[in-house]
N, C-alpha and C. Protein backbone atom coordinates (compact mmCIF):
# COMPACT_ATOMS: atom_id res chain seq x y z
N LYS A 1 0.65 0.08 -16.24
CA LYS A 1 0.12 1.56 -17.22
C LYS A 1 -1.24 1.75 -16.30
N TYR A 2 -1.73 0.57 -16.98
CA TYR A 2 -4.13 1.09 -16.14
C TYR A 2 -4.09 -0.32 -15.04
N TRP A 3 -3.38 -0.44 -14.01
CA TRP A 3 -2.98 -0.56 -13.01
C TRP A 3 -2.91 0.85 -12.39
N LYS A 4 -2.51 1.42 -12.52
CA LYS A 4 -1.54 2.78 -12.25
C LYS A 4 -3.38 3.87 -11.87
N LEU A 5 -3.21 3.45 -13.53
CA LEU A 5 -4.85 5.10 -13.35
C LEU A 5 -6.12 3.95 -12.35
N VAL A 6 -5.92 2.43 -12.11
CA VAL A 6 -6.99 1.73 -11.59
C VAL A 6 -6.56 2.29 -9.79
N CYS A 7 -5.60 2.50 -10.18
CA CYS A 7 -5.65 3.21 -8.65
C CYS A 7 -5.70 4.55 -8.32
N ALA A 8 -5.38 5.16 -8.81
CA ALA A 8 -5.49 6.75 -9.14
C ALA A 8 -7.20 6.91 -8.55
N LEU A 9 -7.69 5.54 -9.61
CA LEU A 9 -9.52 5.96 -9.51
C LEU A 9 -9.68 5.65 -8.30
N LEU A 10 -9.42 4.43 -7.68
CA LEU A 10 -9.82 4.01 -6.41
C LEU A 10 -9.43 5.01 -5.03
N SER A 11 -8.90 5.59 -5.39
CA SER A 11 -7.35 7.16 -4.47
C SER A 11 -8.78 8.30 -4.50
N ASP A 12 -9.13 8.27 -5.69
CA ASP A 12 -10.20 9.72 -5.49
C ASP A 12 -10.87 9.37 -4.32
N THR A 13 -10.78 10.58 -3.75
CA THR A 13 -11.67 11.17 -2.89
C THR A 13 -12.62 12.88 -3.14
N SER A 14 -12.32 12.65 -4.65
CA SER A 14 -12.60 14.35 -4.70
C SER A 14 -14.55 14.37 -4.89
N THR A 15 -14.93 13.84 -5.22
CA THR A 15 -16.43 13.23 -5.51
C THR A 15 -16.44 13.39 -4.35
N SER A 16 -16.23 12.69 -3.31
CA SER A 16 -16.87 12.16 -2.32
C SER A 16 -16.43 12.18 -0.75
N PRO A 17 -15.75 13.49 -0.77
CA PRO A 17 -14.69 12.87 0.56
C PRO A 17 -15.36 12.87 2.61
N GLN A 18 -16.47 11.83 2.14
CA GLN A 18 -16.79 12.04 3.43
C GLN A 18 -16.51 10.28 4.56
N PRO A 19 -16.63 10.65 6.05
CA PRO A 19 -15.11 9.10 6.28
C PRO A 19 -16.66 8.44 6.19
N SER A 20 -17.13 7.61 5.54
CA SER A 20 -17.86 6.45 5.81
C SER A 20 -16.97 5.99 4.32
N ARG A 21 -17.69 7.34 2.83
CA ARG A 21 -16.64 6.92 2.16
C ARG A 21 -14.64 6.18 1.82
N VAL A 22 -14.33 7.47 2.79
CA VAL A 22 -13.20 7.62 3.48
C VAL A 22 -12.26 6.26 3.13
N SER A 23 -13.27 5.76 4.44
CA SER A 23 -13.01 4.27 5.29
C SER A 23 -13.08 3.45 4.71
N SER A 24 -14.08 2.99 3.70
CA SER A 24 -14.65 2.34 2.39
C SER A 24 -13.57 2.60 1.59
N GLN A 25 -12.97 3.52 0.93
CA GLN A 25 -12.14 2.79 0.12
C GLN A 25 -10.17 2.42 1.28
N LEU A 26 -9.65 3.27 1.92
CA LEU A 26 -8.63 2.97 2.99
C LEU A 26 -8.54 1.57 2.85
N LEU A 27 -9.94 0.73 3.47
CA LEU A 27 -9.80 -0.55 3.80
C LEU A 27 -9.60 -1.23 2.25
N PHE A 28 -9.85 -0.87 0.84
CA PHE A 28 -10.17 -0.96 -0.29
C PHE A 28 -8.99 -1.49 -0.38
N LEU A 29 -8.05 -0.73 0.17
CA LEU A 29 -6.79 -0.87 -0.72
C LEU A 29 -5.29 -1.00 0.13
N ALA A 30 -5.35 -1.38 1.54
CA ALA A 30 -5.42 -2.01 2.51
C ALA A 30 -4.70 -3.45 2.44
N LEU A 31 -6.53 -4.16 1.09
CA LEU A 31 -7.01 -5.49 1.18
C LEU A 31 -6.05 -5.85 0.39
N VAL A 32 -6.50 -4.53 -0.77
CA VAL A 32 -5.28 -4.88 -2.16
C VAL A 32 -3.39 -5.38 -2.35
N THR A 33 -3.19 -4.19 -0.81
CA THR A 33 -1.82 -3.96 -0.95
C THR A 33 -1.91 -4.96 -0.30
N ASN A 34 -2.52 -5.38 0.85
CA ASN A 34 -2.59 -6.62 1.78
C ASN A 34 -2.11 -7.87 1.05
N LYS A 35 -2.70 -8.00 -0.59
CA LYS A 35 -3.10 -9.67 -0.80
C LYS A 35 -1.45 -8.94 -2.17
N LEU A 36 -1.44 -8.18 -2.77
CA LEU A 36 0.08 -8.25 -3.07
C LEU A 36 1.70 -8.19 -2.41
N SER A 37 1.54 -8.21 -1.09
CA SER A 37 2.46 -8.06 0.10
C SER A 37 3.09 -9.41 0.35
N ALA A 38 1.68 -10.14 0.63
CA ALA A 38 1.84 -11.80 0.82
C ALA A 38 2.11 -12.44 -0.11
N SER A 39 1.15 -12.16 -2.06
CA SER A 39 2.35 -12.87 -3.09
C SER A 39 3.93 -12.81 -2.79
N LEU A 40 4.12 -11.44 -2.41
CA LEU A 40 5.50 -10.81 -2.15
C LEU A 40 5.94 -11.95 -0.73
N LEU A 41 5.88 -12.01 -0.11
CA LEU A 41 6.35 -12.38 0.60
C LEU A 41 6.50 -14.02 0.71
N ALA A 42 5.07 -14.60 -0.09
CA ALA A 42 5.63 -16.54 -0.81
C ALA A 42 6.79 -16.01 -1.58
N ILE A 43 7.59 -15.89 -2.52
CA ILE A 43 7.97 -15.65 -3.39
C ILE A 43 8.85 -15.56 -2.79
N LEU A 44 9.10 -14.28 -1.46
CA LEU A 44 10.10 -14.30 -0.86
C LEU A 44 11.18 -15.10 0.65
N ASP A 45 9.72 -16.04 0.84
CA ASP A 45 10.12 -16.52 1.43
C ASP A 45 12.10 -17.18 2.62
N GLY A 46 12.49 -17.28 1.59
CA GLY A 46 14.19 -17.01 2.07
C GLY A 46 14.78 -18.42 0.99
N ARG A 47 13.91 -18.64 -0.65
CA ARG A 47 14.24 -20.14 -1.08
C ARG A 47 15.06 -19.03 -1.94
N PRO A 48 16.38 -19.31 -2.74
CA PRO A 48 16.79 -18.99 -3.74
C PRO A 48 15.50 -17.94 -4.86
N VAL A 49 15.97 -17.12 -4.76
CA VAL A 49 14.72 -16.75 -5.94
C VAL A 49 15.11 -17.43 -7.67
N THR A 50 14.40 -18.40 -8.07
CA THR A 50 15.03 -18.20 -10.05
C THR A 50 14.41 -16.84 -10.16
N GLU A 51 14.28 -17.44 -11.83
CA GLU A 51 14.87 -16.19 -13.00
C GLU A 51 13.15 -15.93 -12.63
N ASP A 52 11.98 -16.96 -13.04
CA ASP A 52 11.30 -17.21 -13.07
C ASP A 52 10.30 -16.07 -11.82
N MET A 53 10.75 -16.43 -11.19
CA MET A 53 10.32 -15.81 -9.44
C MET A 53 10.18 -13.94 -9.81
N GLU A 54 11.67 -14.12 -10.02
CA GLU A 54 12.65 -13.02 -10.43
C GLU A 54 11.33 -12.18 -11.66
N LYS A 55 11.29 -13.04 -12.28
CA LYS A 55 10.27 -11.83 -13.74
C LYS A 55 8.89 -11.45 -12.21
N THR A 56 8.14 -12.36 -11.74
CA THR A 56 7.36 -12.66 -10.68
C THR A 56 7.12 -11.26 -9.57
N THR A 57 7.81 -11.09 -9.21
CA THR A 57 8.82 -10.34 -8.24
C THR A 57 8.63 -9.02 -8.63
N VAL A 58 9.57 -8.85 -9.53
CA VAL A 58 9.25 -7.44 -10.63
C VAL A 58 8.19 -7.14 -10.45
N CYS A 59 7.69 -8.06 -11.08
CA CYS A 59 6.15 -7.31 -11.99
C CYS A 59 5.30 -6.72 -9.99
N CYS A 60 5.01 -8.03 -9.20
CA CYS A 60 3.97 -7.63 -8.41
C CYS A 60 5.14 -6.39 -7.87
N PHE A 61 5.82 -6.14 -7.41
CA PHE A 61 6.31 -4.60 -6.92
C PHE A 61 5.94 -3.39 -8.20
N ALA A 62 5.65 -3.68 -9.40
CA ALA A 62 5.72 -3.72 -10.62
C ALA A 62 3.91 -3.40 -9.71
N LEU A 63 2.95 -3.83 -9.17
CA LEU A 63 2.05 -3.98 -8.68
C LEU A 63 0.95 -3.10 -7.46
N LEU A 64 2.42 -3.26 -7.19
CA LEU A 64 3.27 -3.08 -5.46
C LEU A 64 2.85 -1.40 -5.42
N VAL A 65 3.37 -1.32 -5.34
CA VAL A 65 3.90 0.69 -6.06
C VAL A 65 3.16 1.31 -6.09
N PRO A 66 2.27 1.70 -6.96
CA PRO A 66 0.83 2.42 -6.99
C PRO A 66 -0.38 2.42 -6.14
N ALA A 67 -0.01 0.89 -5.53
CA ALA A 67 -1.46 0.66 -4.72
C ALA A 67 -0.72 1.16 -3.76
N VAL A 68 0.42 1.33 -3.19
CA VAL A 68 0.59 2.19 -1.30
C VAL A 68 0.42 3.68 -1.87
N SER A 69 1.28 3.34 -3.63
CA SER A 69 0.55 5.60 -3.32
C SER A 69 -0.57 5.51 -2.96
N SER A 70 -0.99 5.00 -3.75
CA SER A 70 -2.81 5.62 -3.71
C SER A 70 -3.78 5.57 -2.40
N LEU A 71 -3.15 4.31 -1.13
CA LEU A 71 -2.95 3.98 -0.19
C LEU A 71 -2.44 5.11 0.59
N CYS A 72 -1.35 5.54 0.51
CA CYS A 72 -0.91 7.41 1.19
C CYS A 72 -1.61 8.11 0.65
N ALA A 73 -2.04 7.62 -0.43
CA ALA A 73 -2.82 9.22 -0.59
C ALA A 73 -4.43 9.07 0.12
N VAL A 74 -5.09 8.00 -0.13
CA VAL A 74 -6.38 8.45 1.05
C VAL A 74 -6.03 8.21 2.36
N LEU A 75 -5.09 7.43 3.03
CA LEU A 75 -4.17 8.76 4.49
C LEU A 75 -4.49 9.93 4.89
N GLU A 76 -4.18 9.86 3.46
CA GLU A 76 -4.03 11.62 4.12
C GLU A 76 -5.43 11.45 3.85
N GLU A 77 -6.21 11.89 3.58
CA GLU A 77 -7.33 12.00 3.18
C GLU A 77 -8.03 12.07 4.36
N PHE A 78 -8.37 10.83 5.28
CA PHE A 78 -8.73 10.15 6.00
C PHE A 78 -8.74 11.27 7.48
N SER A 79 -6.77 11.40 6.79
CA SER A 79 -6.52 12.06 8.48
C SER A 79 -7.36 13.57 8.43
N LYS A 80 -7.45 14.46 7.10
CA LYS A 80 -7.76 15.20 6.95
C LYS A 80 -9.43 15.27 7.33
N VAL A 81 -10.07 14.13 6.65
CA VAL A 81 -11.55 14.29 7.58
C VAL A 81 -11.12 13.84 8.47
N ALA A 82 -10.44 13.35 9.20
CA ALA A 82 -10.26 12.96 10.90
C ALA A 82 -10.28 13.70 11.57
N GLY A 83 -9.19 15.42 10.77
CA GLY A 83 -9.28 16.42 11.48
C GLY A 83 -10.09 17.90 11.72
N GLN A 84 -11.18 17.49 10.59
CA GLN A 84 -12.01 18.77 9.92
C GLN A 84 -13.21 18.23 10.93
N LEU A 85 -13.45 16.68 11.58
CA LEU A 85 -14.75 16.41 12.44
C LEU A 85 -14.74 15.94 13.36
N GLY A 86 -13.69 15.85 14.45
CA GLY A 86 -12.74 15.72 15.26
C GLY A 86 -12.52 14.36 15.20
N GLU A 87 -12.03 13.51 15.77
CA GLU A 87 -12.22 12.06 16.39
C GLU A 87 -12.85 11.31 16.61
N GLU A 88 -13.92 12.03 17.26
CA GLU A 88 -14.92 10.52 17.83
C GLU A 88 -15.39 9.71 16.92
N PRO A 89 -16.17 11.20 15.53
CA PRO A 89 -17.47 10.81 14.01
C PRO A 89 -16.63 8.97 13.50
N ILE A 90 -15.37 9.76 13.67
CA ILE A 90 -14.09 8.03 12.94
C ILE A 90 -14.08 7.57 13.81
N ALA A 91 -13.91 7.38 14.54
CA ALA A 91 -13.50 6.41 15.35
C ALA A 91 -14.45 5.03 16.17
N ALA A 92 -15.56 6.24 16.01
CA ALA A 92 -16.58 5.01 16.00
C ALA A 92 -17.85 4.81 15.58
N ASP A 93 -17.49 4.30 13.57
CA ASP A 93 -17.35 4.37 12.81
C ASP A 93 -16.51 2.41 13.06
N ALA A 94 -17.42 1.60 13.14
CA ALA A 94 -16.45 0.29 12.18
C ALA A 94 -15.99 -0.16 11.04
N ALA A 95 -16.61 0.93 10.24
CA ALA A 95 -15.81 0.81 8.79
C ALA A 95 -14.47 1.13 9.30
N ALA A 96 -14.06 2.00 9.90
CA ALA A 96 -12.80 3.07 9.79
C ALA A 96 -12.07 2.41 11.10
N ASP A 97 -13.55 1.49 11.81
CA ASP A 97 -11.43 0.80 12.72
C ASP A 97 -11.72 -0.28 11.94
N SER A 98 -12.30 -1.29 10.78
CA SER A 98 -11.51 -2.47 9.43
C SER A 98 -10.33 -1.35 9.21
N ALA A 99 -11.01 -0.38 8.64
CA ALA A 99 -9.80 0.25 8.10
C ALA A 99 -8.21 0.86 9.11
N ASN A 100 -8.53 0.90 9.99
CA ASN A 100 -7.07 0.88 10.01
C ASN A 100 -6.23 0.12 10.76
N ALA A 101 -7.33 -1.50 11.56
CA ALA A 101 -6.79 -2.68 11.45
C ALA A 101 -6.33 -3.43 9.76
N ALA A 102 -7.08 -2.69 8.96
CA ALA A 102 -5.68 -3.40 7.61
C ALA A 102 -4.90 -2.21 7.42
N VAL A 103 -5.01 -1.31 7.60
CA VAL A 103 -3.86 -0.44 7.27
C VAL A 103 -2.00 -1.15 8.31
N ARG A 104 -3.44 -0.85 9.29
CA ARG A 104 -1.74 -1.17 10.04
C ARG A 104 -1.26 -3.31 10.01
N LYS A 105 -1.80 -3.58 9.80
CA LYS A 105 -0.88 -5.03 9.19
C LYS A 105 -0.26 -4.73 7.68
N CYS A 106 -0.99 -4.12 6.56
CA CYS A 106 -1.54 -3.55 5.98
C CYS A 106 0.97 -2.55 5.77
N LEU A 107 1.25 -1.69 6.63
CA LEU A 107 2.33 -1.19 6.63
C LEU A 107 3.28 -2.48 8.08
N LEU A 108 3.01 -3.78 8.17
CA LEU A 108 3.51 -4.42 9.06
C LEU A 108 4.20 -5.07 7.17
N ARG A 109 3.46 -5.43 6.62
CA ARG A 109 3.41 -6.45 5.48
C ARG A 109 4.58 -5.77 4.60
N LEU A 110 3.69 -4.86 4.49
CA LEU A 110 5.34 -3.81 3.77
C LEU A 110 6.42 -4.08 3.89
N LYS A 111 6.64 -3.84 5.48
CA LYS A 111 8.02 -3.80 6.37
C LYS A 111 8.27 -4.71 6.02
N LEU A 112 7.94 -6.23 6.11
CA LEU A 112 8.00 -7.27 6.11
C LEU A 112 8.80 -7.08 4.67
N VAL A 113 7.86 -7.15 3.29
CA VAL A 113 8.28 -7.27 2.37
C VAL A 113 9.78 -6.85 1.33
N PHE A 114 10.72 -5.20 1.71
CA PHE A 114 10.75 -4.86 2.12
C PHE A 114 12.20 -5.76 2.40
N GLU A 115 11.85 -5.30 3.92
CA GLU A 115 13.57 -5.89 4.20
C GLU A 115 14.02 -7.73 3.87
N LYS A 116 13.23 -8.55 3.43
CA LYS A 116 13.29 -9.88 2.89
C LYS A 116 13.56 -9.79 0.78
N ALA A 117 12.90 -8.75 0.90
CA ALA A 117 14.01 -8.58 -0.68
C ALA A 117 15.30 -7.16 -0.29
N PHE A 118 15.59 -6.02 0.45
CA PHE A 118 16.93 -6.12 0.29
C PHE A 118 17.84 -7.34 1.30
N SER A 119 17.21 -7.78 1.60
CA SER A 119 18.38 -9.13 2.33
C SER A 119 18.46 -9.93 0.64
N HIS A 120 17.92 -10.47 -0.74
CA HIS A 120 18.17 -10.74 -1.31
C HIS A 120 19.66 -9.92 -2.34
N GLU A 121 20.08 -11.47 -3.71
CA GLU A 121 20.73 -10.15 -4.02
C GLU A 121 19.80 -9.83 -6.09
N GLY A 122 20.61 -9.43 -6.63
CA GLY A 122 20.17 -9.25 -8.03
C GLY A 122 19.53 -7.88 -8.70
N LYS A 123 19.06 -9.01 -8.95
CA LYS A 123 17.52 -8.17 -9.07
C LYS A 123 16.30 -7.61 -8.10
N VAL A 124 15.85 -9.05 -7.50
CA VAL A 124 15.56 -9.01 -6.61
C VAL A 124 15.70 -7.26 -5.53
N ALA A 125 16.79 -7.66 -4.91
CA ALA A 125 17.04 -6.11 -4.92
C ALA A 125 16.78 -4.64 -5.45
N GLN A 126 16.99 -5.03 -7.18
CA GLN A 126 17.16 -3.59 -6.91
C GLN A 126 16.32 -2.96 -7.39
N THR A 127 14.24 -3.77 -7.53
CA THR A 127 13.58 -3.75 -7.57
C THR A 127 12.48 -3.69 -6.89
N ALA A 128 13.46 -3.90 -5.25
CA ALA A 128 12.98 -3.96 -4.11
C ALA A 128 12.88 -1.95 -3.27
N VAL A 129 14.87 -1.86 -4.08
CA VAL A 129 15.44 -0.56 -3.91
C VAL A 129 14.50 0.31 -4.56
N SER A 130 13.97 0.24 -6.08
CA SER A 130 13.39 1.06 -7.07
C SER A 130 12.08 1.53 -6.73
N SER A 131 11.83 0.73 -6.20
CA SER A 131 10.34 0.77 -5.63
C SER A 131 10.17 1.62 -4.34
N ALA A 132 11.41 1.42 -3.03
CA ALA A 132 11.11 2.08 -2.17
C ALA A 132 11.42 3.29 -2.31
N GLN A 133 12.76 3.64 -3.52
CA GLN A 133 12.99 5.37 -4.07
C GLN A 133 11.43 6.29 -4.42
N ASN A 134 10.84 4.82 -5.82
CA ASN A 134 9.60 5.83 -6.32
C ASN A 134 8.62 6.01 -4.85
N LEU A 135 8.38 4.94 -3.91
CA LEU A 135 7.11 5.62 -3.04
C LEU A 135 8.20 6.39 -1.47
N LEU A 136 9.26 7.11 -2.27
CA LEU A 136 10.08 7.94 -1.54
C LEU A 136 9.94 9.25 -2.03
N GLN A 137 9.61 9.54 -3.28
CA GLN A 137 9.97 10.79 -3.90
C GLN A 137 8.24 10.76 -3.73
N ASN A 138 7.66 10.46 -3.30
CA ASN A 138 5.65 10.29 -3.64
C ASN A 138 5.06 11.34 -1.82
N PRO A 139 4.99 12.85 -2.54
CA PRO A 139 4.75 13.82 -0.42
C PRO A 139 3.83 12.98 -0.67
N THR A 140 2.54 11.77 -1.20
CA THR A 140 1.54 11.47 0.13
C THR A 140 2.72 10.54 1.33
N CYS A 141 3.56 9.90 -0.06
CA CYS A 141 4.09 8.85 0.80
C CYS A 141 5.06 9.23 1.91
N SER A 142 5.45 10.31 2.17
CA SER A 142 6.83 11.00 2.70
C SER A 142 6.69 10.80 3.84
N GLU A 143 5.31 9.25 4.82
CA GLU A 143 5.22 9.15 6.32
C GLU A 143 5.69 8.12 6.60
N LEU A 144 5.58 7.00 5.86
CA LEU A 144 6.22 6.01 5.56
C LEU A 144 7.93 5.75 5.81
């Protein structure tokens, strides 16, 4: 409940939709999402998932979904800002380059997380399906 609020605050661009701020938000959310994905990948590395690991997986997905939703909202804002200013001001920005690299890594890790989770049985696969459905029902995540 509180994590969802934190993610919403991290993705709020209404106060200052400046390219540097949006790039910073994007970078931060991508790093958070990468950490959560790395934790999930460590659990889903091919070993059988124990009951305790199953609970941890459910909790990690519960943290991952709001983080990815917020990341997608900031990505949408990032593309609007880029469209308004043209490609050059943002592309030349070092923060934007870091953010772009972090987002690429994040999206690749997310793909791996869901692939590995779908290959498991029981609660892990159910949680992955539910998480994917939640993300795909979010309008900002439609590009995923």
